[in-house]
């Protein structure tokens, strides 16, 4: 099947350079912080869009949790296994959204 993709999609010329570059030991690989700083400098609209999206998702999660009578703190005290065992799919989704937002915030 990969042969059919090769016929449709051209193989990028810089891919071979990327393979050899990652094999080099003396070259520094940028960290997540480096990438975020670069994006803030080069493409600030991407970071702003991500922030806006996270803010909107957080507001939606809080609305759902208020309707269900659950606090975000109680939800976040659960382990991933406990959250996956919840019968309420909305609470499960809220748990994972809050965890994703916390993870992205921790990268900054």
PDB file of N, CA and C in Angstrom:
ATOM      1  N   UNK A   1       0.814  -1.179   0.000  1.00  0.00           N
ATOM      2  CA  UNK A   1       0.000   0.000   0.000  1.00  0.00           C
ATOM      3  C   UNK A   1       0.865   1.253   0.000  1.00  0.00           C
ATOM      4  N   UNK A   2       2.024   1.199   0.613  1.00  0.00           N
ATOM      5  CA  UNK A   2       2.873   2.380   0.640  1.00  0.00           C
ATOM      6  C   UNK A   2       3.351   2.743  -0.759  1.00  0.00           C
ATOM      7  N   UNK A   3       3.453   1.754  -1.646  1.00  0.00           N
ATOM      8  CA  UNK A   3       3.848   2.041  -3.019  1.00  0.00           C
ATOM      9  C   UNK A   3       2.828   2.911  -3.722  1.00  0.00           C
ATOM     10  N   UNK A   4       1.535   2.704  -3.439  1.00  0.00           N
ATOM     11  CA  UNK A   4       0.510   3.519  -4.078  1.00  0.00           C
ATOM     12  C   UNK A   4       0.570   4.953  -3.576  1.00  0.00           C
ATOM     13  N   UNK A   5       0.932   5.139  -2.301  1.00  0.00           N
ATOM     14  CA  UNK A   5       1.086   6.496  -1.790  1.00  0.00           C
ATOM     15  C   UNK A   5       2.298   7.180  -2.417  1.00  0.00           C
ATOM     16  N   UNK A   6       3.358   6.426  -2.610  1.00  0.00           N
ATOM     17  CA  UNK A   6       4.558   7.010  -3.192  1.00  0.00           C
ATOM     18  C   UNK A   6       4.287   7.506  -4.604  1.00  0.00           C
ATOM     19  N   UNK A   7       3.389   6.834  -5.311  1.00  0.00           N
ATOM     20  CA  UNK A   7       3.074   7.257  -6.671  1.00  0.00           C
ATOM     21  C   UNK A   7       2.247   8.538  -6.651  1.00  0.00           C
ATOM     22  N   UNK A   8       1.472   8.762  -5.601  1.00  0.00           N
ATOM     23  CA  UNK A   8       0.601   9.928  -5.533  1.00  0.00           C
ATOM     24  C   UNK A   8       1.295  11.104  -4.856  1.00  0.00           C
ATOM     25  N   UNK A   9       1.976  10.818  -3.753  1.00  0.00           N
ATOM     26  CA  UNK A   9       2.612  11.887  -2.988  1.00  0.00           C
ATOM     27  C   UNK A   9       4.113  11.885  -3.248  1.00  0.00           C
ATOM     28  N   UNK A  10       4.668  13.018  -3.648  1.00  0.00           N
ATOM     29  CA  UNK A  10       6.118  13.060  -3.866  1.00  0.00           C
ATOM     30  C   UNK A  10       6.865  12.949  -2.542  1.00  0.00           C
ATOM     31  N   UNK A  11       7.963  12.246  -2.552  1.00  0.00           N
ATOM     32  CA  UNK A  11       8.789  12.094  -1.361  1.00  0.00           C
ATOM     33  C   UNK A  11       9.538  13.396  -1.129  1.00  0.00           C
ATOM     34  N   UNK A  12       9.431  13.977   0.063  1.00  0.00           N
ATOM     35  CA  UNK A  12      10.084  15.266   0.292  1.00  0.00           C
ATOM     36  C   UNK A  12      11.597  15.162   0.175  1.00  0.00           C
ATOM     37  N   UNK A  13      12.169  16.120  -0.493  1.00  0.00           N
ATOM     38  CA  UNK A  13      13.617  16.107  -0.729  1.00  0.00           C
ATOM     39  C   UNK A  13      14.396  16.262   0.577  1.00  0.00           C
ATOM     40  N   UNK A  14      13.853  16.999   1.524  1.00  0.00           N
ATOM     41  CA  UNK A  14      14.582  17.233   2.766  1.00  0.00           C
ATOM     42  C   UNK A  14      14.438  16.085   3.761  1.00  0.00           C
ATOM     43  N   UNK A  15      13.657  15.065   3.436  1.00  0.00           N
ATOM     44  CA  UNK A  15      13.457  13.951   4.366  1.00  0.00           C
ATOM     45  C   UNK A  15      14.757  13.188   4.603  1.00  0.00           C
ATOM     46  N   UNK A  16      15.555  13.010   3.560  1.00  0.00           N
ATOM     47  CA  UNK A  16      16.823  12.293   3.707  1.00  0.00           C
ATOM     48  C   UNK A  16      17.760  13.093   4.615  1.00  0.00           C
ATOM     49  N   UNK A  17      17.756  14.422   4.480  1.00  0.00           N
ATOM     50  CA  UNK A  17      18.582  15.255   5.349  1.00  0.00           C
ATOM     51  C   UNK A  17      18.131  15.136   6.796  1.00  0.00           C
ATOM     52  N   UNK A  18      16.811  15.058   7.010  1.00  0.00           N
ATOM     53  CA  UNK A  18      16.278  14.960   8.368  1.00  0.00           C
ATOM     54  C   UNK A  18      16.717  13.646   9.014  1.00  0.00           C
ATOM     55  N   UNK A  19      16.751  12.565   8.229  1.00  0.00           N
ATOM     56  CA  UNK A  19      17.165  11.282   8.782  1.00  0.00           C
ATOM     57  C   UNK A  19      18.603  11.350   9.262  1.00  0.00           C
ATOM     58  N   UNK A  20      19.482  11.912   8.447  1.00  0.00           N
ATOM     59  CA  UNK A  20      20.887  11.971   8.840  1.00  0.00           C
ATOM     60  C   UNK A  20      21.095  12.975   9.961  1.00  0.00           C
ATOM     61  N   UNK A  21      20.290  14.056   9.993  1.00  0.00           N
ATOM     62  CA  UNK A  21      20.444  15.054  11.034  1.00  0.00           C
ATOM     63  C   UNK A  21      20.089  14.475  12.400  1.00  0.00           C
ATOM     64  N   UNK A  22      19.040  13.651  12.478  1.00  0.00           N
ATOM     65  CA  UNK A  22      18.649  13.058  13.753  1.00  0.00           C
ATOM     66  C   UNK A  22      19.628  11.990  14.209  1.00  0.00           C
ATOM     67  N   UNK A  23      20.387  11.438  13.268  1.00  0.00           N
ATOM     68  CA  UNK A  23      21.379  10.443  13.648  1.00  0.00           C
ATOM     69  C   UNK A  23      22.630  11.086  14.228  1.00  0.00           C
ATOM     70  N   UNK A  24      22.842  12.368  13.928  1.00  0.00           N
ATOM     71  CA  UNK A  24      24.020  13.057  14.443  1.00  0.00           C
ATOM     72  C   UNK A  24      23.878  13.273  15.951  1.00  0.00           C
ATOM     73  N   UNK A  25      24.945  12.977  16.672  1.00  0.00           N
ATOM     74  CA  UNK A  25      24.909  13.056  18.128  1.00  0.00           C
ATOM     75  C   UNK A  25      25.174  14.477  18.611  1.00  0.00           C
ATOM     76  N   UNK A  26      25.994  15.224  17.891  1.00  0.00           N
ATOM     77  CA  UNK A  26      26.407  16.533  18.375  1.00  0.00           C
ATOM     78  C   UNK A  26      25.378  17.638  18.159  1.00  0.00           C
ATOM     79  N   UNK A  27      24.297  17.361  17.479  1.00  0.00           N
ATOM     80  CA  UNK A  27      23.287  18.381  17.219  1.00  0.00           C
ATOM     81  C   UNK A  27      22.240  18.408  18.323  1.00  0.00           C
ATOM     82  N   UNK A  28      21.862  19.605  18.751  1.00  0.00           N
ATOM     83  CA  UNK A  28      20.846  19.762  19.786  1.00  0.00           C
ATOM     84  C   UNK A  28      19.458  19.631  19.182  1.00  0.00           C
ATOM     85  N   UNK A  29      18.608  18.894  19.856  1.00  0.00           N
ATOM     86  CA  UNK A  29      17.210  18.748  19.439  1.00  0.00           C
ATOM     87  C   UNK A  29      16.410  19.732  20.278  1.00  0.00           C
ATOM     88  N   UNK A  30      15.593  20.591  19.635  1.00  0.00           N
ATOM     89  CA  UNK A  30      14.846  21.592  20.408  1.00  0.00           C
ATOM     90  C   UNK A  30      13.852  20.953  21.364  1.00  0.00           C
ATOM     91  N   UNK A  31      13.711  21.574  22.518  1.00  0.00           N
ATOM     92  CA  UNK A  31      12.751  21.096  23.506  1.00  0.00           C
ATOM     93  C   UNK A  31      11.370  21.658  23.193  1.00  0.00           C
ATOM     94  N   UNK A  32      10.377  21.210  23.934  1.00  0.00           N
ATOM     95  CA  UNK A  32       9.020  21.741  23.771  1.00  0.00           C
ATOM     96  C   UNK A  32       9.011  23.238  24.064  1.00  0.00           C
ATOM     97  N   UNK A  33       9.745  23.648  25.096  1.00  0.00           N
ATOM     98  CA  UNK A  33       9.816  25.072  25.435  1.00  0.00           C
ATOM     99  C   UNK A  33      10.399  25.886  24.287  1.00  0.00           C
ATOM    100  N   UNK A  34      11.427  25.339  23.634  1.00  0.00           N
ATOM    101  CA  UNK A  34      12.022  26.030  22.489  1.00  0.00           C
ATOM    102  C   UNK A  34      11.006  26.196  21.368  1.00  0.00           C
ATOM    103  N   UNK A  35      10.233  25.160  21.128  1.00  0.00           N
ATOM    104  CA  UNK A  35       9.233  25.205  20.056  1.00  0.00           C
ATOM    105  C   UNK A  35       8.152  26.229  20.378  1.00  0.00           C
ATOM    106  N   UNK A  36       7.680  26.242  21.639  1.00  0.00           N
ATOM    107  CA  UNK A  36       6.642  27.200  22.029  1.00  0.00           C
ATOM    108  C   UNK A  36       7.176  28.630  21.922  1.00  0.00           C
ATOM    109  N   UNK A  37       8.408  28.864  22.375  1.00  0.00           N
ATOM    110  CA  UNK A  37       8.997  30.208  22.264  1.00  0.00           C
ATOM    111  C   UNK A  37       9.134  30.618  20.806  1.00  0.00           C
ATOM    112  N   UNK A  38       9.553  29.681  19.973  1.00  0.00           N
ATOM    113  CA  UNK A  38       9.675  29.981  18.547  1.00  0.00           C
ATOM    114  C   UNK A  38       8.315  30.327  17.952  1.00  0.00           C
ATOM    115  N   UNK A  39       7.291  29.555  18.279  1.00  0.00           N
ATOM    116  CA  UNK A  39       5.952  29.828  17.752  1.00  0.00           C
ATOM    117  C   UNK A  39       5.429  31.175  18.241  1.00  0.00           C
ATOM    118  N   UNK A  40       5.707  31.502  19.492  1.00  0.00           N
ATOM    119  CA  UNK A  40       5.272  32.810  20.009  1.00  0.00           C
ATOM    120  C   UNK A  40       5.940  33.942  19.245  1.00  0.00           C
ATOM    121  N   UNK A  41       7.196  33.730  18.865  1.00  0.00           N
ATOM    122  CA  UNK A  41       7.936  34.763  18.148  1.00  0.00           C
ATOM    123  C   UNK A  41       7.547  34.810  16.675  1.00  0.00           C
ATOM    124  N   UNK A  42       7.509  33.651  16.034  1.00  0.00           N
ATOM    125  CA  UNK A  42       7.287  33.594  14.590  1.00  0.00           C
ATOM    126  C   UNK A  42       5.802  33.626  14.222  1.00  0.00           C
ATOM    127  N   UNK A  43       4.972  32.907  14.957  1.00  0.00           N
ATOM    128  CA  UNK A  43       3.541  32.796  14.651  1.00  0.00           C
ATOM    129  C   UNK A  43       2.712  33.012  15.916  1.00  0.00           C
ATOM    130  N   UNK A  44       2.638  34.231  16.433  1.00  0.00           N
ATOM    131  CA  UNK A  44       1.907  34.453  17.689  1.00  0.00           C
ATOM    132  C   UNK A  44       0.427  34.124  17.586  1.00  0.00           C
ATOM    133  N   UNK A  45      -0.136  34.206  16.389  1.00  0.00           N
ATOM    134  CA  UNK A  45      -1.561  33.894  16.236  1.00  0.00           C
ATOM    135  C   UNK A  45      -1.861  32.429  16.537  1.00  0.00           C
ATOM    136  N   UNK A  46      -0.886  31.542  16.324  1.00  0.00           N
ATOM    137  CA  UNK A  46      -1.099  30.128  16.626  1.00  0.00           C
ATOM    138  C   UNK A  46      -1.244  29.923  18.129  1.00  0.00           C
ATOM    139  N   UNK A  47      -0.418  30.582  18.913  1.00  0.00           N
ATOM    140  CA  UNK A  47      -0.472  30.440  20.363  1.00  0.00           C
ATOM    141  C   UNK A  47      -1.742  31.083  20.893  1.00  0.00           C
ATOM    142  N   UNK A  48      -2.095  32.250  20.351  1.00  0.00           N
ATOM    143  CA  UNK A  48      -3.319  32.914  20.783  1.00  0.00           C
ATOM    144  C   UNK A  48      -4.534  32.059  20.464  1.00  0.00           C
ATOM    145  N   UNK A  49      -4.541  31.439  19.314  1.00  0.00           N
ATOM    146  CA  UNK A  49      -5.657  30.577  18.942  1.00  0.00           C
ATOM    147  C   UNK A  49      -5.749  29.400  19.903  1.00  0.00           C
ATOM    148  N   UNK A  50      -4.633  28.802  20.248  1.00  0.00           N
ATOM    149  CA  UNK A  50      -4.629  27.689  21.194  1.00  0.00           C
ATOM    150  C   UNK A  50      -5.143  28.152  22.558  1.00  0.00           C
ATOM    151  N   UNK A  51      -4.692  29.339  22.997  1.00  0.00           N
ATOM    152  CA  UNK A  51      -5.156  29.867  24.281  1.00  0.00           C
ATOM    153  C   UNK A  51      -6.659  30.114  24.257  1.00  0.00           C
ATOM    154  N   UNK A  52      -7.152  30.688  23.171  1.00  0.00           N
ATOM    155  CA  UNK A  52      -8.588  30.946  23.046  1.00  0.00           C
ATOM    156  C   UNK A  52      -9.380  29.646  23.059  1.00  0.00           C
ATOM    157  N   UNK A  53      -8.854  28.652  22.381  1.00  0.00           N
ATOM    158  CA  UNK A  53      -9.540  27.367  22.316  1.00  0.00           C
ATOM    159  C   UNK A  53      -9.581  26.691  23.679  1.00  0.00           C
ATOM    160  N   UNK A  54      -8.459  26.761  24.391  1.00  0.00           N
ATOM    161  CA  UNK A  54      -8.411  26.162  25.728  1.00  0.00           C
ATOM    162  C   UNK A  54      -9.346  26.899  26.682  1.00  0.00           C
ATOM    163  N   UNK A  55      -9.401  28.215  26.572  1.00  0.00           N
ATOM    164  CA  UNK A  55     -10.284  28.996  27.428  1.00  0.00           C
ATOM    165  C   UNK A  55     -11.744  28.629  27.163  1.00  0.00           C
ATOM    166  N   UNK A  56     -12.100  28.509  25.883  1.00  0.00           N
ATOM    167  CA  UNK A  56     -13.477  28.145  25.519  1.00  0.00           C
ATOM    168  C   UNK A  56     -13.817  26.742  26.025  1.00  0.00           C
ATOM    169  N   UNK A  57     -12.904  25.791  25.865  1.00  0.00           N
ATOM    170  CA  UNK A  57     -13.153  24.431  26.343  1.00  0.00           C
ATOM    171  C   UNK A  57     -13.293  24.413  27.863  1.00  0.00           C
ATOM    172  N   UNK A  58     -12.468  25.181  28.542  1.00  0.00           N
ATOM    173  CA  UNK A  58     -12.538  25.232  30.006  1.00  0.00           C
ATOM    174  C   UNK A  58     -13.888  25.784  30.454  1.00  0.00           C
ATOM    175  N   UNK A  59     -14.381  26.817  29.778  1.00  0.00           N
ATOM    176  CA  UNK A  59     -15.688  27.379  30.115  1.00  0.00           C
ATOM    177  C   UNK A  59     -16.799  26.360  29.885  1.00  0.00           C
ATOM    178  N   UNK A  60     -16.715  25.627  28.785  1.00  0.00           N
ATOM    179  CA  UNK A  60     -17.727  24.605  28.502  1.00  0.00           C
ATOM    180  C   UNK A  60     -17.703  23.504  29.553  1.00  0.00           C
ATOM    181  N   UNK A  61     -16.515  23.087  29.965  1.00  0.00           N
ATOM    182  CA  UNK A  61     -16.385  22.049  30.989  1.00  0.00           C
ATOM    183  C   UNK A  61     -16.992  22.533  32.303  1.00  0.00           C
ATOM    184  N   UNK A  62     -16.714  23.782  32.677  1.00  0.00           N
ATOM    185  CA  UNK A  62     -17.259  24.312  33.923  1.00  0.00           C
ATOM    186  C   UNK A  62     -18.791  24.355  33.889  1.00  0.00           C
ATOM    187  N   UNK A  63     -19.366  24.709  32.736  1.00  0.00           N
ATOM    188  CA  UNK A  63     -20.829  24.715  32.614  1.00  0.00           C
ATOM    189  C   UNK A  63     -21.402  23.313  32.809  1.00  0.00           C
ATOM    190  N   UNK A  64     -20.775  22.333  32.190  1.00  0.00           N
ATOM    191  CA  UNK A  64     -21.250  20.948  32.316  1.00  0.00           C
ATOM    192  C   UNK A  64     -21.134  20.479  33.757  1.00  0.00           C
ATOM    193  N   UNK A  65     -19.997  20.784  34.387  1.00  0.00           N
ATOM    194  CA  UNK A  65     -19.783  20.347  35.768  1.00  0.00           C
ATOM    195  C   UNK A  65     -20.760  21.018  36.730  1.00  0.00           C
ATOM    196  N   UNK A  66     -21.090  22.290  36.480  1.00  0.00           N
ATOM    197  CA  UNK A  66     -22.069  22.970  37.328  1.00  0.00           C
ATOM    198  C   UNK A  66     -23.432  22.299  37.217  1.00  0.00           C
ATOM    199  N   UNK A  67     -23.820  21.899  36.011  1.00  0.00           N
ATOM    200  CA  UNK A  67     -25.102  21.218  35.815  1.00  0.00           C
ATOM    201  C   UNK A  67     -25.129  19.871  36.525  1.00  0.00           C
ATOM    202  N   UNK A  68     -23.975  19.210  36.547  1.00  0.00           N
ATOM    203  CA  UNK A  68     -23.897  17.882  37.152  1.00  0.00           C
ATOM    204  C   UNK A  68     -23.661  17.956  38.660  1.00  0.00           C
ATOM    205  N   UNK A  69     -23.310  19.128  39.172  1.00  0.00           N
ATOM    206  CA  UNK A  69     -23.047  19.269  40.606  1.00  0.00           C
ATOM    207  C   UNK A  69     -21.712  18.700  41.032  1.00  0.00           C
ATOM    208  N   UNK A  70     -20.741  18.713  40.137  1.00  0.00           N
ATOM    209  CA  UNK A  70     -19.405  18.183  40.430  1.00  0.00           C
ATOM    210  C   UNK A  70     -18.415  19.342  40.325  1.00  0.00           C
ATOM    211  N   UNK A  71     -17.486  19.405  41.251  1.00  0.00           N
ATOM    212  CA  UNK A  71     -16.474  20.453  41.181  1.00  0.00           C
ATOM    213  C   UNK A  71     -15.285  19.961  40.347  1.00  0.00           C
ATOM    214  N   UNK A  72     -14.602  20.869  39.664  1.00  0.00           N
ATOM    215  CA  UNK A  72     -13.422  20.466  38.890  1.00  0.00           C
ATOM    216  C   UNK A  72     -12.354  19.825  39.769  1.00  0.00           C
ATOM    217  N   UNK A  73     -12.234  20.301  40.998  1.00  0.00           N
ATOM    218  CA  UNK A  73     -11.238  19.744  41.917  1.00  0.00           C
ATOM    219  C   UNK A  73     -11.535  18.272  42.217  1.00  0.00           C
ATOM    220  N   UNK A  74     -12.816  17.948  42.472  1.00  0.00           N
ATOM    221  CA  UNK A  74     -13.184  16.550  42.735  1.00  0.00           C
ATOM    222  C   UNK A  74     -12.900  15.668  41.521  1.00  0.00           C
ATOM    223  N   UNK A  75     -13.188  16.213  40.358  1.00  0.00           N
ATOM    224  CA  UNK A  75     -12.969  15.443  39.128  1.00  0.00           C
ATOM    225  C   UNK A  75     -11.484  15.191  38.905  1.00  0.00           C
ATOM    226  N   UNK A  76     -10.658  16.205  39.168  1.00  0.00           N
ATOM    227  CA  UNK A  76      -9.226  16.064  38.915  1.00  0.00           C
ATOM    228  C   UNK A  76      -8.517  15.211  39.964  1.00  0.00           C
ATOM    229  N   UNK A  77      -9.176  14.947  41.080  1.00  0.00           N
ATOM    230  CA  UNK A  77      -8.585  14.064  42.092  1.00  0.00           C
ATOM    231  C   UNK A  77      -8.656  12.600  41.676  1.00  0.00           C
ATOM    232  N   UNK A  78      -9.470  12.318  40.678  1.00  0.00           N
ATOM    233  CA  UNK A  78      -9.604  10.936  40.212  1.00  0.00           C
ATOM    234  C   UNK A  78      -8.358  10.508  39.449  1.00  0.00           C
ATOM    235  N   UNK A  79      -8.114   9.218  39.489  1.00  0.00           N
ATOM    236  CA  UNK A  79      -7.052   8.659  38.653  1.00  0.00           C
ATOM    237  C   UNK A  79      -7.629   8.439  37.257  1.00  0.00           C
ATOM    238  N   UNK A  80      -6.780   8.292  36.240  1.00  0.00           N
ATOM    239  CA  UNK A  80      -7.306   8.025  34.900  1.00  0.00           C
ATOM    240  C   UNK A  80      -8.175   6.769  34.835  1.00  0.00           C
ATOM    241  N   UNK A  81      -7.834   5.763  35.617  1.00  0.00           N
ATOM    242  CA  UNK A  81      -8.640   4.543  35.649  1.00  0.00           C
ATOM    243  C   UNK A  81     -10.026   4.779  36.228  1.00  0.00           C
ATOM    244  N   UNK A  82     -10.083   5.568  37.298  1.00  0.00           N
ATOM    245  CA  UNK A  82     -11.378   5.903  37.895  1.00  0.00           C
ATOM    246  C   UNK A  82     -12.224   6.738  36.935  1.00  0.00           C
ATOM    247  N   UNK A  83     -11.575   7.658  36.231  1.00  0.00           N
ATOM    248  CA  UNK A  83     -12.313   8.494  35.275  1.00  0.00           C
ATOM    249  C   UNK A  83     -12.853   7.659  34.124  1.00  0.00           C
ATOM    250  N   UNK A  84     -12.075   6.706  33.652  1.00  0.00           N
ATOM    251  CA  UNK A  84     -12.539   5.847  32.552  1.00  0.00           C
ATOM    252  C   UNK A  84     -13.649   4.903  32.996  1.00  0.00           C
ATOM    253  N   UNK A  85     -13.739   4.654  34.291  1.00  0.00           N
ATOM    254  CA  UNK A  85     -14.785   3.769  34.808  1.00  0.00           C
ATOM    255  C   UNK A  85     -16.104   4.507  35.053  1.00  0.00           C
ATOM    256  N   UNK A  86     -16.107   5.832  34.912  1.00  0.00           N
ATOM    257  CA  UNK A  86     -17.339   6.592  35.113  1.00  0.00           C
ATOM    258  C   UNK A  86     -18.397   6.196  34.086  1.00  0.00           C
ATOM    259  N   UNK A  87     -19.635   6.118  34.530  1.00  0.00           N
ATOM    260  CA  UNK A  87     -20.736   5.800  33.624  1.00  0.00           C
ATOM    261  C   UNK A  87     -21.132   7.004  32.772  1.00  0.00           C
ATOM    262  N   UNK A  88     -20.945   8.192  33.301  1.00  0.00           N
ATOM    263  CA  UNK A  88     -21.334   9.417  32.611  1.00  0.00           C
ATOM    264  C   UNK A  88     -20.244   9.817  31.604  1.00  0.00           C
ATOM    265  N   UNK A  89     -20.594   9.757  30.330  1.00  0.00           N
ATOM    266  CA  UNK A  89     -19.621  10.072  29.285  1.00  0.00           C
ATOM    267  C   UNK A  89     -19.192  11.539  29.313  1.00  0.00           C
ATOM    268  N   UNK A  90     -20.118  12.438  29.677  1.00  0.00           N
ATOM    269  CA  UNK A  90     -19.766  13.853  29.743  1.00  0.00           C
ATOM    270  C   UNK A  90     -18.723  14.113  30.826  1.00  0.00           C
ATOM    271  N   UNK A  91     -18.864  13.454  31.962  1.00  0.00           N
ATOM    272  CA  UNK A  91     -17.870  13.623  33.024  1.00  0.00           C
ATOM    273  C   UNK A  91     -16.517  13.068  32.602  1.00  0.00           C
ATOM    274  N   UNK A  92     -16.547  11.959  31.884  1.00  0.00           N
ATOM    275  CA  UNK A  92     -15.300  11.389  31.376  1.00  0.00           C
ATOM    276  C   UNK A  92     -14.603  12.363  30.423  1.00  0.00           C
ATOM    277  N   UNK A  93     -15.391  12.953  29.521  1.00  0.00           N
ATOM    278  CA  UNK A  93     -14.845  13.910  28.570  1.00  0.00           C
ATOM    279  C   UNK A  93     -14.311  15.146  29.299  1.00  0.00           C
ATOM    280  N   UNK A  94     -15.047  15.628  30.280  1.00  0.00           N
ATOM    281  CA  UNK A  94     -14.599  16.785  31.060  1.00  0.00           C
ATOM    282  C   UNK A  94     -13.273  16.497  31.751  1.00  0.00           C
ATOM    283  N   UNK A  95     -13.148  15.303  32.295  1.00  0.00           N
ATOM    284  CA  UNK A  95     -11.908  14.912  32.960  1.00  0.00           C
ATOM    285  C   UNK A  95     -10.730  14.995  31.985  1.00  0.00           C
ATOM    286  N   UNK A  96     -10.898  14.426  30.799  1.00  0.00           N
ATOM    287  CA  UNK A  96      -9.804  14.400  29.833  1.00  0.00           C
ATOM    288  C   UNK A  96      -9.498  15.795  29.286  1.00  0.00           C
ATOM    289  N   UNK A  97     -10.497  16.623  29.097  1.00  0.00           N
ATOM    290  CA  UNK A  97     -10.255  17.992  28.643  1.00  0.00           C
ATOM    291  C   UNK A  97      -9.480  18.761  29.697  1.00  0.00           C
ATOM    292  N   UNK A  98      -9.863  18.643  30.958  1.00  0.00           N
ATOM    293  CA  UNK A  98      -9.146  19.334  32.025  1.00  0.00           C
ATOM    294  C   UNK A  98      -7.704  18.842  32.146  1.00  0.00           C
ATOM    295  N   UNK A  99      -7.508  17.546  31.969  1.00  0.00           N
ATOM    296  CA  UNK A  99      -6.145  16.997  32.011  1.00  0.00           C
ATOM    297  C   UNK A  99      -5.310  17.521  30.847  1.00  0.00           C
ATOM    298  N   UNK A 100      -5.913  17.614  29.666  1.00  0.00           N
ATOM    299  CA  UNK A 100      -5.181  18.135  28.496  1.00  0.00           C
ATOM    300  C   UNK A 100      -4.819  19.603  28.705  1.00  0.00           C
ATOM    301  N   UNK A 101      -5.734  20.384  29.229  1.00  0.00           N
ATOM    302  CA  UNK A 101      -5.462  21.804  29.484  1.00  0.00           C
ATOM    303  C   UNK A 101      -4.339  21.939  30.512  1.00  0.00           C
ATOM    304  N   UNK A 102      -4.384  21.152  31.557  1.00  0.00           N
ATOM    305  CA  UNK A 102      -3.322  21.200  32.582  1.00  0.00           C
ATOM    306  C   UNK A 102      -1.982  20.799  31.999  1.00  0.00           C
ATOM    307  N   UNK A 103      -1.987  19.813  31.108  1.00  0.00           N
ATOM    308  CA  UNK A 103      -0.741  19.370  30.486  1.00  0.00           C
ATOM    309  C   UNK A 103      -0.152  20.462  29.599  1.00  0.00           C
ATOM    310  N   UNK A 104      -0.989  21.086  28.781  1.00  0.00           N
ATOM    311  CA  UNK A 104      -0.507  22.143  27.889  1.00  0.00           C
ATOM    312  C   UNK A 104       0.016  23.325  28.706  1.00  0.00           C
ATOM    313  N   UNK A 105      -0.687  23.659  29.777  1.00  0.00           N
ATOM    314  CA  UNK A 105      -0.212  24.735  30.643  1.00  0.00           C
ATOM    315  C   UNK A 105       1.127  24.397  31.296  1.00  0.00           C
ATOM    316  N   UNK A 106       1.332  23.118  31.607  1.00  0.00           N
ATOM    317  CA  UNK A 106       2.578  22.722  32.246  1.00  0.00           C
ATOM    318  C   UNK A 106       3.771  22.820  31.299  1.00  0.00           C
ATOM    319  N   UNK A 107       3.509  22.822  29.989  1.00  0.00           N
ATOM    320  CA  UNK A 107       4.592  22.921  29.020  1.00  0.00           C
ATOM    321  C   UNK A 107       5.144  24.331  28.894  1.00  0.00           C
ATOM    322  N   UNK A 108       4.411  25.278  29.407  1.00  0.00           N
ATOM    323  CA  UNK A 108       4.843  26.684  29.255  1.00  0.00           C
ATOM    324  C   UNK A 108       5.852  27.016  30.264  1.00  0.00           C
TER     325      UNK A 108
END
